[in-house]
Structure formats: structure tokens, C-alpha cells
Amino acid sequence: MLGELNDVIASVALLRDNTGLFADEQDASAALAYLKERRRHRQREAVRLLRKS
């Protein structure tokens, strides 16, 4: 679980540093928005797991 959260956070950082790899800024923004939503989802899951323990 935490590994997946780390992967998403690292992916967001890489995307921000390499937005020029996308065809245009709109594609880069869409990818970043998707990853941000995945990050929020993984953070919520991590909080739930921590509260259970």
C-alpha cells in the first residue's frame, strides 16, 4: 500500500520535471490531474490502514 503511494508521488514529481515529453500542455495537465487523484486515493487508503492498526 505505502509502496503504491510512494510510486504515485514519485510519478507526479517526474511528470512535473518532464512535461515537455507530452504533445502539449493539455496532455501533461490531464496526466498530472489523474496522478493527483490516484495520490489522494492512496493517501486515504493509507490513513484507513493506519487507523485500523
Protein backbone atom coordinates (compact mmCIF):
# COMPACT_ATOMS: atom_id res chain seq x y z
CA MET A 1 0.00 0.00 0.00
CA LEU A 2 2.62 2.55 1.04
CA GLY A 3 4.80 1.46 -1.86
CA GLU A 4 1.98 2.31 -4.26
CA LEU A 5 1.58 5.73 -2.64
CA ASN A 6 5.31 6.33 -3.00
CA ASP A 7 5.17 5.31 -6.67
CA VAL A 8 2.39 7.81 -7.38
CA ILE A 9 4.20 10.62 -5.57
CA ALA A 10 7.41 9.88 -7.47
CA SER A 11 5.48 9.79 -10.75
CA VAL A 12 3.98 13.23 -10.06
CA ALA A 13 7.45 14.63 -9.42
CA LEU A 14 8.84 13.07 -12.60
CA LEU A 15 5.92 14.36 -14.65
CA ARG A 16 6.40 17.90 -13.36
CA ASP A 17 10.07 17.75 -14.30
CA ASN A 18 9.38 16.35 -17.79
CA THR A 19 6.21 17.99 -19.08
CA GLY A 20 7.97 18.59 -22.40
CA LEU A 21 7.63 14.89 -23.22
CA PHE A 22 3.90 15.34 -23.86
CA ALA A 23 2.40 16.53 -27.13
CA ASP A 24 1.02 19.65 -25.48
CA GLU A 25 0.40 21.20 -22.09
CA GLN A 26 -3.19 19.93 -22.01
CA ASP A 27 -2.00 16.31 -22.17
CA ALA A 28 0.54 16.95 -19.42
CA SER A 29 -2.13 18.60 -17.27
CA ALA A 30 -4.52 15.68 -17.77
CA ALA A 31 -1.84 13.18 -16.75
CA LEU A 32 -0.95 15.25 -13.70
CA ALA A 33 -4.61 15.54 -12.68
CA TYR A 34 -5.01 11.77 -12.94
CA LEU A 35 -1.93 11.13 -10.82
CA LYS A 36 -3.05 13.66 -8.21
CA GLU A 37 -6.37 11.84 -7.88
CA ARG A 38 -4.54 8.50 -7.53
CA ARG A 39 -2.36 10.09 -4.84
CA ARG A 40 -5.41 11.26 -2.89
CA HIS A 41 -6.94 7.81 -3.18
CA ARG A 42 -3.76 6.09 -1.95
CA GLN A 43 -3.40 8.58 0.92
CA ARG A 44 -6.95 7.85 2.08
CA GLU A 45 -6.26 4.12 1.95
CA ALA A 46 -3.05 4.56 3.94
CA VAL A 47 -4.88 6.58 6.62
CA ARG A 48 -7.55 3.88 6.89
CA LEU A 49 -4.89 1.20 7.33
CA LEU A 50 -3.07 3.22 9.98
CA ARG A 51 -6.28 3.81 11.93
CA LYS A 52 -7.06 0.08 11.95
CA SER A 53 -3.71 -0.83 13.50
